[in-house]
Amino acid sequence: RGFPVAHSIYGIPSVINSANYVYFLGLEKVLTLDHPDAVKLFTRQLLELHQGQGLDIYWRDNYPCPTEKKDKALGLQKTGGLFGLAVGLMQLFSDYKENLKPLLNTL
């Protein structure tokens, strides 16, 4: 806050392209993990994150009033997607296989 935003400086097309590029840098890192489920997890969690972001954009632009339950679910999709990715990748290389989603949902 209080600083110029990237799209105002570099333009929307360049910022979108750069953001997409960073996703592929992340995918490249995931591929180096050499685990058969890592790419599946990466894809699933980023899809969840983007579904939440898409819904957030829709609500912003169309002004529906979501229920409190839907609003909380949106937060879990967006933030939970990234937490789920981090924890899920760690669990792929751990013997600890408990379902941590309920714990992540409290963050």
Protein backbone atom coordinates (compact mmCIF):
# COMPACT_ATOMS: atom_id res chain seq x y z
CA ARG A 1 0.00 0.00 0.00
CA GLY A 2 1.16 3.49 -0.75
CA PHE A 3 3.40 2.40 -3.64
CA PRO A 4 2.71 2.32 -7.38
CA VAL A 5 1.32 -1.01 -8.57
CA ALA A 6 3.09 -3.09 -11.21
CA HIS A 7 0.33 -2.88 -13.81
CA SER A 8 0.39 0.93 -13.64
CA ILE A 9 4.12 0.96 -14.29
CA TYR A 10 4.56 -1.88 -16.80
CA GLY A 11 1.05 -2.32 -18.22
CA ILE A 12 -1.49 -5.08 -17.73
CA PRO A 13 -0.25 -7.40 -20.54
CA SER A 14 3.35 -7.44 -19.26
CA VAL A 15 2.26 -8.03 -15.67
CA ILE A 16 -0.08 -10.90 -16.62
CA ASN A 17 2.65 -12.47 -18.73
CA SER A 18 5.19 -12.13 -15.91
CA ALA A 19 2.77 -13.65 -13.39
CA ASN A 20 2.12 -16.60 -15.71
CA TYR A 21 5.86 -17.03 -16.20
CA VAL A 22 6.31 -17.35 -12.44
CA TYR A 23 3.73 -20.17 -12.35
CA PHE A 24 5.84 -22.08 -14.85
CA LEU A 25 8.98 -21.41 -12.81
CA GLY A 26 7.13 -23.01 -9.90
CA LEU A 27 6.14 -25.98 -12.06
CA GLU A 28 9.75 -26.35 -13.17
CA LYS A 29 10.80 -26.56 -9.50
CA VAL A 30 8.07 -29.12 -8.76
CA LEU A 31 9.30 -31.28 -11.64
CA THR A 32 12.77 -31.39 -10.05
CA LEU A 33 11.23 -33.03 -6.96
CA ASP A 34 10.95 -36.20 -9.07
CA HIS A 35 7.84 -37.46 -7.27
CA PRO A 36 4.98 -38.91 -9.35
CA ASP A 37 2.30 -37.05 -7.37
CA ALA A 38 4.01 -33.65 -7.11
CA VAL A 39 2.73 -32.28 -10.43
CA LYS A 40 -0.78 -33.58 -9.72
CA LEU A 41 -0.79 -31.84 -6.35
CA PHE A 42 0.64 -28.62 -7.82
CA THR A 43 -2.02 -28.60 -10.54
CA ARG A 44 -4.91 -29.43 -8.21
CA GLN A 45 -3.98 -26.75 -5.67
CA LEU A 46 -3.40 -24.03 -8.28
CA LEU A 47 -6.73 -24.87 -9.93
CA GLU A 48 -8.43 -24.51 -6.55
CA LEU A 49 -6.70 -21.20 -5.95
CA HIS A 50 -7.74 -19.85 -9.36
CA GLN A 51 -11.33 -21.04 -8.96
CA GLY A 52 -11.50 -19.07 -5.74
CA GLN A 53 -9.88 -16.05 -7.36
CA GLY A 54 -12.34 -16.23 -10.26
CA LEU A 55 -15.28 -16.30 -7.86
CA ASP A 56 -13.82 -13.37 -5.93
CA ILE A 57 -13.52 -11.37 -9.17
CA TYR A 58 -17.09 -12.29 -10.12
CA TRP A 59 -18.41 -11.13 -6.75
CA ARG A 60 -16.44 -7.90 -7.01
CA ASP A 61 -17.69 -7.09 -10.50
CA ASN A 62 -21.31 -8.27 -10.20
CA TYR A 63 -22.11 -7.24 -6.62
CA PRO A 64 -23.90 -10.34 -5.34
CA CYS A 65 -23.93 -10.60 -1.59
CA PRO A 66 -22.45 -14.01 -0.70
CA THR A 67 -23.53 -15.78 2.42
CA GLU A 68 -21.05 -15.92 5.27
CA LYS A 69 -20.58 -19.63 4.54
CA LYS A 70 -19.73 -18.95 0.87
CA ASP A 71 -17.38 -16.13 1.83
CA LYS A 72 -15.49 -18.39 4.25
CA ALA A 73 -15.32 -21.13 1.61
CA LEU A 74 -13.82 -18.61 -0.81
CA GLY A 75 -11.10 -17.72 1.68
CA LEU A 76 -10.30 -21.39 2.14
CA GLN A 77 -10.03 -21.86 -1.62
CA LYS A 78 -7.70 -18.93 -2.14
CA THR A 79 -5.42 -19.03 0.89
CA GLY A 80 -6.01 -22.70 1.55
CA GLY A 81 -4.85 -23.55 -1.96
CA LEU A 82 -1.39 -22.20 -1.28
CA PHE A 83 -1.16 -23.67 2.22
CA GLY A 84 -2.41 -26.97 0.83
CA LEU A 85 0.29 -26.90 -1.83
CA ALA A 86 3.07 -26.26 0.68
CA VAL A 87 1.89 -28.86 3.19
CA GLY A 88 0.97 -31.38 0.50
CA LEU A 89 4.41 -31.20 -1.11
CA MET A 90 6.05 -31.69 2.29
CA GLN A 91 3.82 -34.68 3.00
CA LEU A 92 4.85 -36.35 -0.25
CA PHE A 93 8.31 -36.73 1.26
CA SER A 94 7.18 -37.56 4.79
CA ASP A 95 5.87 -40.63 6.55
CA TYR A 96 3.23 -38.42 8.22
CA LYS A 97 0.07 -38.95 6.17
CA GLU A 98 -2.64 -37.54 8.46
CA ASN A 99 -5.23 -35.31 6.77
CA LEU A 100 -4.10 -31.80 7.67
CA LYS A 101 -6.84 -29.97 5.73
CA PRO A 102 -8.97 -29.36 8.86
CA LEU A 103 -5.93 -27.85 10.58
CA LEU A 104 -5.09 -25.72 7.53
CA ASN A 105 -8.68 -24.47 7.45
CA THR A 106 -8.17 -22.88 10.87
CA LEU A 107 -5.30 -20.68 9.67
